[in-house]
Protein backbone atom coordinates (compact mmCIF):
# COMPACT_ATOMS: atom_id res chain seq x y z
CA UNK A 1 -11.62 0.55 -7.12
CA UNK A 2 -8.14 0.71 -5.55
CA UNK A 3 -6.12 3.51 -7.12
CA UNK A 4 -3.27 1.24 -8.16
CA UNK A 5 -5.63 -1.35 -9.61
CA UNK A 6 -7.20 1.45 -11.63
CA UNK A 7 -3.78 2.51 -12.91
CA UNK A 8 -2.93 -1.10 -13.77
CA UNK A 9 -6.21 -1.39 -15.68
CA UNK A 10 -5.43 1.75 -17.66
CA UNK A 11 -1.94 0.38 -18.35
CA UNK A 12 -3.29 -2.93 -19.65
CA UNK A 13 -5.93 -1.24 -21.80
CA UNK A 14 -3.22 0.99 -23.25
CA UNK A 15 -1.03 -2.04 -23.92
CA UNK A 16 -3.81 -3.92 -25.73
CA UNK A 17 -4.74 -0.83 -27.75
CA UNK A 18 -1.14 -0.25 -28.77
CA UNK A 19 -0.65 -3.89 -29.78
CA UNK A 20 -3.85 -3.93 -31.86
CA UNK A 21 -2.87 -0.67 -33.53
CA UNK A 22 0.63 -1.92 -34.28
CA UNK A 23 -0.69 -5.15 -35.78
CA UNK A 24 -3.00 -3.24 -38.11
CA UNK A 25 -0.17 -1.20 -39.55
CA UNK A 26 1.61 -2.22 -42.75
CA UNK A 27 4.53 -4.59 -42.21
CA UNK A 28 7.79 -2.79 -42.84
CA UNK A 29 10.59 -4.25 -44.89
CA UNK A 30 13.67 -5.70 -43.23
CA UNK A 31 15.83 -2.68 -43.99
CA UNK A 32 13.25 0.00 -43.22
CA UNK A 33 13.48 1.98 -40.00
CA UNK A 34 10.53 2.08 -37.61
CA UNK A 35 8.48 5.25 -37.98
CA UNK A 36 8.83 5.99 -34.29
CA UNK A 37 9.35 4.34 -30.94
CA UNK A 38 6.01 5.52 -29.56
CA UNK A 39 4.86 2.00 -28.62
CA UNK A 40 7.84 1.30 -26.39
CA UNK A 41 7.83 4.85 -25.04
CA UNK A 42 4.15 4.77 -24.09
CA UNK A 43 4.52 1.43 -22.35
CA UNK A 44 7.55 2.61 -20.40
CA UNK A 45 5.86 5.86 -19.42
CA UNK A 46 2.73 4.04 -18.24
CA UNK A 47 4.82 1.69 -16.11
CA UNK A 48 6.94 4.51 -14.71
CA UNK A 49 3.82 6.50 -13.82
CA UNK A 50 2.46 3.56 -11.83
CA UNK A 51 5.72 3.25 -9.90
CA UNK A 52 6.03 6.99 -9.34
CA UNK A 53 2.48 7.19 -8.02
CA UNK A 54 3.08 4.20 -5.78
CA UNK A 55 6.15 5.85 -4.29
CA UNK A 56 4.48 9.22 -3.78
CA UNK A 57 1.45 7.64 -2.12
CA UNK A 58 3.45 5.38 0.21
CA UNK A 59 6.71 7.11 1.09
CA UNK A 60 4.98 8.86 4.00
CA UNK A 61 4.19 5.39 5.43
CA UNK A 62 7.91 4.54 5.51
CA UNK A 63 10.13 5.52 8.44
CA UNK A 64 13.80 5.38 9.25
CA UNK A 65 14.61 3.86 12.63
CA UNK A 66 17.81 4.97 14.38
CA UNK A 67 19.14 3.51 17.63
CA UNK A 68 21.93 5.08 19.67
CA UNK A 69 24.10 2.97 21.95
CA UNK A 70 26.54 4.22 24.58
CA UNK A 71 30.06 4.20 23.25
CA UNK A 72 28.99 3.88 19.60
CA UNK A 73 29.35 7.04 17.50
CA UNK A 74 27.08 6.19 14.59
CA UNK A 75 23.50 5.03 15.20
CA UNK A 76 22.31 1.61 14.09
CA UNK A 77 19.65 2.18 11.43
CA UNK A 78 16.82 0.24 9.87
CA UNK A 79 13.39 0.76 8.39
CA UNK A 80 9.77 0.42 9.46
CA UNK A 81 6.26 1.27 8.35
CA UNK A 82 3.16 2.80 9.91
CA UNK A 83 0.61 0.27 11.11
CA UNK A 84 -2.24 2.43 12.42
CA UNK A 85 -3.30 5.93 13.46
CA UNK A 86 -2.32 5.29 17.09
CA UNK A 87 1.37 5.59 16.25
CA UNK A 88 2.36 1.93 16.05
CA UNK A 89 5.31 1.18 13.75
CA UNK A 90 6.23 -2.28 12.46
CA UNK A 91 9.83 -3.32 11.95
CA UNK A 92 12.09 -6.36 12.25
CA UNK A 93 12.74 -7.71 15.71
CA UNK A 94 16.45 -7.82 14.94
CA UNK A 95 16.46 -4.09 14.13
CA UNK A 96 15.36 -3.05 17.63
CA UNK A 97 16.88 -5.87 19.68
CA UNK A 98 19.77 -4.53 21.74
CA UNK A 99 22.93 -5.43 19.82
CA UNK A 100 24.93 -5.03 23.01
CA UNK A 101 22.90 -7.70 24.82
CA UNK A 102 22.04 -10.29 22.17
CA UNK A 103 20.82 -13.53 23.68
CA UNK A 104 19.39 -11.78 26.75
CA UNK A 105 15.97 -10.91 25.28
CA UNK A 106 16.76 -7.20 25.67
CA UNK A 107 15.51 -4.41 23.42
CA UNK A 108 17.08 -1.08 22.59
CA UNK A 109 16.03 1.95 24.59
CA UNK A 110 17.05 5.07 22.66
CA UNK A 111 14.92 4.77 19.50
CA UNK A 112 14.30 7.64 17.09
CA UNK A 113 11.89 7.53 14.14
CA UNK A 114 12.44 9.79 11.14
CA UNK A 115 9.65 10.57 8.69
CA UNK A 116 9.95 11.54 5.05
CA UNK A 117 9.08 15.17 5.90
CA UNK A 118 12.12 15.26 8.22
CA UNK A 119 10.12 15.12 11.44
CA UNK A 120 11.98 13.09 14.08
CA UNK A 121 10.00 11.48 16.94
CA UNK A 122 11.20 9.24 19.78
CA UNK A 123 9.63 5.79 20.09
CA UNK A 124 9.50 2.93 22.56
CA UNK A 125 9.24 -0.85 22.31
CA UNK A 126 5.76 -2.35 22.59
CA UNK A 127 6.63 -5.99 21.99
CA UNK A 128 8.62 -8.22 19.68
CA UNK A 129 8.68 -11.77 18.38
CA UNK A 130 12.14 -13.03 17.41
CA UNK A 131 10.71 -16.24 15.91
CA UNK A 132 8.99 -14.30 13.11
CA UNK A 133 11.42 -11.34 13.24
CA UNK A 134 8.50 -8.95 13.81
CA UNK A 135 8.43 -6.14 16.36
CA UNK A 136 6.10 -3.27 17.22
CA UNK A 137 7.29 0.11 18.45
CA UNK A 138 5.14 3.13 19.28
CA UNK A 139 5.72 6.83 18.76
CA UNK A 140 5.83 8.74 22.03
CA UNK A 141 4.09 11.75 20.51
CA UNK A 142 1.74 11.80 17.50
CA UNK A 143 0.35 15.33 17.84
CA UNK A 144 2.52 16.90 15.17
CA UNK A 145 2.50 14.18 12.55
CA UNK A 146 -0.09 12.98 10.04
CA UNK A 147 0.05 9.21 9.96
CA UNK A 148 -0.48 7.24 6.76
CA UNK A 149 -0.93 3.53 7.64
CA UNK A 150 -0.02 1.01 4.95
CA UNK A 151 -2.55 -1.09 3.06
CA UNK A 152 -1.81 -4.72 3.86
CA UNK A 153 -2.18 -7.28 1.08
CA UNK A 154 -2.82 -11.03 1.20
CA UNK A 155 0.52 -12.82 0.84
CA UNK A 156 -1.19 -16.05 -0.27
CA UNK A 157 -1.91 -14.25 -3.56
CA UNK A 158 1.78 -13.56 -4.24
CA UNK A 159 3.07 -15.31 -7.36
CA UNK A 160 6.51 -15.81 -8.85
CA UNK A 161 7.22 -13.25 -11.57
CA UNK A 162 5.14 -10.46 -10.06
CA UNK A 163 6.70 -7.04 -9.60
CA UNK A 164 8.18 -6.42 -6.14
CA UNK A 165 8.91 -2.91 -4.85
CA UNK A 166 11.04 -2.44 -1.74
CA UNK A 167 11.03 0.79 0.26
CA UNK A 168 13.65 1.43 2.88
CA UNK A 169 16.83 3.20 3.95
CA UNK A 170 19.73 1.15 2.55
CA UNK A 171 23.19 2.20 3.76
CA UNK A 172 21.58 5.29 5.29
CA UNK A 173 20.23 6.47 1.93
CA UNK A 174 16.88 7.58 3.26
CA UNK A 175 13.52 6.77 1.66
CA UNK A 176 14.79 4.73 -1.26
CA UNK A 177 12.73 2.61 -3.66
CA UNK A 178 14.14 -0.42 -5.46
CA UNK A 179 12.34 -2.67 -7.92
CA UNK A 180 12.54 -6.31 -8.90
CA UNK A 181 10.41 -9.42 -9.09
CA UNK A 182 9.14 -12.16 -6.84
CA UNK A 183 11.77 -14.87 -7.32
CA UNK A 184 10.21 -17.60 -5.17
CA UNK A 185 7.60 -18.18 -2.49
CA UNK A 186 7.29 -20.64 0.35
CA UNK A 187 10.87 -20.41 1.54
CA UNK A 188 11.85 -21.26 5.13
CA UNK A 189 14.55 -19.06 6.65
CA UNK A 190 16.32 -18.84 9.99
CA UNK A 191 14.95 -16.13 12.26
CA UNK A 192 18.57 -14.92 12.79
CA UNK A 193 18.41 -15.32 16.56
CA UNK A 194 17.27 -18.86 17.42
CA UNK A 195 17.45 -22.25 15.72
CA UNK A 196 13.86 -22.02 14.50
CA UNK A 197 12.75 -20.93 11.04
CA UNK A 198 10.23 -18.48 9.59
CA UNK A 199 7.76 -20.14 7.24
CA UNK A 200 6.33 -19.08 3.86
CA UNK A 201 9.06 -16.47 3.32
CA UNK A 202 9.00 -14.48 0.07
CA UNK A 203 12.17 -14.33 -2.04
CA UNK A 204 12.81 -11.31 -4.25
CA UNK A 205 15.57 -9.92 -6.46
CA UNK A 206 14.57 -6.34 -5.65
CA UNK A 207 17.82 -4.90 -4.24
CA UNK A 208 17.79 -5.14 -0.44
CA UNK A 209 20.77 -3.92 1.57
CA UNK A 210 21.69 -3.16 5.19
CA UNK A 211 19.22 -0.51 6.34
CA UNK A 212 16.33 -2.02 4.37
CA UNK A 213 15.48 -4.38 7.24
CA UNK A 214 11.99 -3.72 8.53
CA UNK A 215 10.88 -1.88 5.40
CA UNK A 216 7.78 -2.81 3.39
CA UNK A 217 7.73 -4.90 0.23
CA UNK A 218 4.91 -3.82 -2.08
CA UNK A 219 3.13 -5.36 -5.02
CA UNK A 220 2.26 -3.27 -8.08
CA UNK A 221 -1.15 -2.49 -6.54
CA UNK A 222 0.42 -0.63 -3.62
CA UNK A 223 -0.28 -3.35 -1.06
CA UNK A 224 2.32 -4.46 1.46
CA UNK A 225 2.92 -8.16 0.82
CA UNK A 226 5.92 -8.57 3.10
CA UNK A 227 8.57 -6.99 5.30
CA UNK A 228 12.16 -7.01 4.07
CA UNK A 229 14.21 -8.98 6.55
CA UNK A 230 17.29 -10.73 5.18
CA UNK A 231 19.67 -11.05 2.27
CA UNK A 232 21.83 -13.95 1.13
CA UNK A 233 25.18 -12.55 0.16
CA UNK A 234 28.88 -13.19 0.67
CA UNK A 235 29.63 -9.47 0.47
CA UNK A 236 27.04 -8.19 2.94
CA UNK A 237 25.20 -6.24 0.25
CA UNK A 238 22.56 -7.13 -2.30
CA UNK A 239 23.33 -10.05 -4.57
CA UNK A 240 19.81 -10.37 -5.93
CA UNK A 241 18.59 -12.74 -3.22
CA UNK A 242 16.49 -11.04 -0.57
CA UNK A 243 13.83 -12.36 1.78
CA UNK A 244 10.68 -10.88 3.25
CA UNK A 245 8.40 -11.99 6.08
CA UNK A 246 4.96 -12.52 4.44
CA UNK A 247 2.17 -10.06 5.21
CA UNK A 248 -0.19 -12.72 6.56
CA UNK A 249 2.41 -13.68 9.16
CA UNK A 250 2.97 -10.03 10.02
CA UNK A 251 -0.75 -9.44 10.50
CA UNK A 252 -1.42 -12.26 12.95
CA UNK A 253 1.80 -11.69 14.88
CA UNK A 254 1.22 -7.93 15.23
CA UNK A 255 -2.40 -8.39 16.35
CA UNK A 256 -1.23 -10.80 19.06
CA UNK A 257 1.68 -8.58 20.10
CA UNK A 258 -0.68 -5.62 20.55
CA UNK A 259 -3.28 -7.66 22.44
CA UNK A 260 -1.10 -10.00 24.48
CA UNK A 261 2.49 -8.83 24.24
CA UNK A 262 3.59 -12.11 22.66
CA UNK A 263 2.78 -14.57 19.88
CA UNK A 264 2.63 -18.33 20.37
CA UNK A 265 4.08 -20.38 17.53
CA UNK A 266 2.89 -23.97 16.99
CA UNK A 267 5.48 -26.57 17.84
CA UNK A 268 5.85 -30.30 17.10
CA UNK A 269 8.92 -30.81 19.23
CA UNK A 270 10.92 -32.69 16.61
CA UNK A 271 14.18 -32.41 14.78
CA UNK A 272 13.85 -33.61 11.22
CA UNK A 273 15.02 -33.45 7.64
CA UNK A 274 13.65 -33.86 4.15
CA UNK A 275 13.85 -37.49 3.10
CA UNK A 276 16.88 -38.04 0.81
CA UNK A 277 17.98 -40.94 -1.38
CA UNK A 278 20.55 -42.13 1.16
CA UNK A 279 17.82 -42.24 3.82
CA UNK A 280 15.62 -44.31 1.49
CA UNK A 281 18.45 -46.78 0.93
CA UNK A 282 19.17 -47.15 4.64
CA UNK A 283 15.48 -47.55 5.48
CA UNK A 284 14.95 -49.79 2.45
CA UNK A 285 11.88 -47.89 1.24
CA UNK A 286 10.62 -46.79 -2.17
CA UNK A 287 12.97 -44.60 -4.21
CA UNK A 288 10.28 -42.03 -4.98
CA UNK A 289 8.98 -41.69 -1.42
CA UNK A 290 9.02 -38.14 -0.01
CA UNK A 291 8.35 -36.74 3.43
CA UNK A 292 10.05 -35.59 6.64
CA UNK A 293 12.27 -38.03 8.51
CA UNK A 294 12.19 -37.52 12.28
CA UNK A 295 15.78 -37.66 13.52
CA UNK A 296 15.26 -36.66 17.17
CA UNK A 297 12.64 -35.32 19.53
CA UNK A 298 12.34 -33.10 22.58
CA UNK A 299 11.76 -35.32 25.60
CA UNK A 300 8.30 -34.61 26.95
CA UNK A 301 7.40 -32.50 23.90
CA UNK A 302 4.24 -32.83 21.79
CA UNK A 303 5.72 -35.45 19.43
CA UNK A 304 7.11 -37.49 22.29
CA UNK A 305 3.77 -37.44 24.13
CA UNK A 306 1.87 -38.44 20.98
CA UNK A 307 3.93 -41.60 20.45
CA UNK A 308 6.01 -40.45 17.50
CA UNK A 309 9.51 -41.90 17.30
CA UNK A 310 12.82 -41.11 15.59
CA UNK A 311 12.77 -42.89 12.24
CA UNK A 312 9.11 -42.12 11.60
CA UNK A 313 8.41 -40.41 8.26
CA UNK A 314 5.74 -37.69 8.23
CA UNK A 315 3.79 -37.90 4.97
CA UNK A 316 0.69 -35.80 5.65
CA UNK A 317 -0.85 -33.34 8.06
CA UNK A 318 -4.60 -33.62 7.91
CA UNK A 319 -5.21 -33.93 4.15
CA UNK A 320 -2.11 -32.03 3.05
CA UNK A 321 0.86 -33.97 1.67
CA UNK A 322 4.22 -33.08 3.18
CA UNK A 323 7.15 -33.61 0.81
CA UNK A 324 9.90 -31.69 2.60
CA UNK A 325 10.91 -30.03 5.87
CA UNK A 326 10.14 -26.65 4.34
CA UNK A 327 6.59 -27.72 3.54
CA UNK A 328 6.15 -28.94 7.13
CA UNK A 329 7.41 -25.62 8.52
CA UNK A 330 5.15 -23.65 6.17
CA UNK A 331 2.06 -25.70 6.97
CA UNK A 332 2.51 -25.35 10.72
CA UNK A 333 3.10 -21.59 10.45
CA UNK A 334 0.17 -20.92 8.13
CA UNK A 335 -2.51 -23.33 9.29
CA UNK A 336 -2.11 -24.32 12.93
CA UNK A 337 -2.11 -22.98 16.48
CA UNK A 338 -0.81 -24.32 19.79
CA UNK A 339 -3.18 -26.71 21.59
CA UNK A 340 -4.87 -27.72 18.34
CA UNK A 341 -5.00 -31.40 17.47
CA UNK A 342 -3.48 -32.40 14.14
CA UNK A 343 -3.69 -35.80 12.45
CA UNK A 344 -0.38 -36.99 11.02
CA UNK A 345 0.00 -39.75 8.46
CA UNK A 346 3.35 -41.42 9.01
CA UNK A 347 5.34 -44.38 7.77
CA UNK A 348 6.82 -46.57 10.48
CA UNK A 349 8.55 -49.84 9.74
CA UNK A 350 7.41 -49.54 6.11
CA UNK A 351 3.75 -49.38 7.18
CA UNK A 352 1.37 -46.41 6.92
CA UNK A 353 -0.34 -45.36 10.14
CA UNK A 354 -1.95 -42.26 11.66
CA UNK A 355 -1.21 -40.44 14.91
CA UNK A 356 -3.06 -37.54 16.54
CA UNK A 357 -0.81 -34.92 18.08
CA UNK A 358 -1.70 -31.96 20.30
CA UNK A 359 0.53 -29.14 19.13
CA UNK A 360 2.59 -27.28 21.67
CA UNK A 361 4.10 -23.79 21.61
CA UNK A 362 7.71 -22.84 21.11
CA UNK A 363 9.44 -21.89 24.37
CA UNK A 364 9.81 -18.17 25.16
CA UNK A 365 12.95 -16.82 23.54
CA UNK A 366 14.62 -16.06 26.87
CA UNK A 367 14.61 -19.80 27.63
CA UNK A 368 16.52 -20.79 24.47
């Protein structure tokens, strides 16, 4: 049994035992003082022990990434985590993309990786994917370091309300742990560099700040369920709304980056929006109808070739209902690949029809 699952089991057994014991005790009068606070104390201690063990077991998997640029005194810093015993480190693409040459598909050159035991090792870029904000770097020397790869979880099992633990280096405060909850799942967020979006993003209120980017987001079982990537804030620091690339996306992107040097994202070749009430009124369709309204298309793209038209409303892909643009983005990211054929159910001129479309791939970033 996984160590953290064992600890959780012990915690739950303790909780049930304490509750049964407390219920069997005599009910105290309104004015009487509780005999002790042992119930609350034991619960808190059990929870703290789980978190402390999680930190101690995983802090050696966390790294601080520092990048020096000519003419800049202070290094640009971020976070990352160990992927395997060959020295591969995972981080955000935007952490290692050259800030001096944004828009030119250039990566930073002078990369240093700091471990929790204060060992500092240079690293180099292997490959990156700006569309998912995932990049792989590799340590140049692994002789003097014991590597502790993370345990990757299944992000489809993530649920709202679960505990979320973020490890990273916020504001240069090295090897920090912050705790919160999963606030939402299935978000779609901009990749920060192009006009495309990352699908199935996890939202958390665990404090995430500059320097956390690229760090792991754990569940209470010590599994990495995401990689901290963005925050939504007017101040530039945590406001309780942070976002993480899901672990399932990380896994398939990293495998492809290591094998091929790139990852191909499925692509419909449309511009669209979630159907709104004003759209329903203009199109004179049912008030409760949901879907994605195609507003424009890439000439010669997959949608154009398939016969789709602006004004069409996408209602389903295969057997899955599509109620919003976010659901369309998530479905494509999670369930499809370029060159696969997908059956779309659409509404055109108030009539339901089906169209088969051969999915394309997003253009290489350098061509955007």
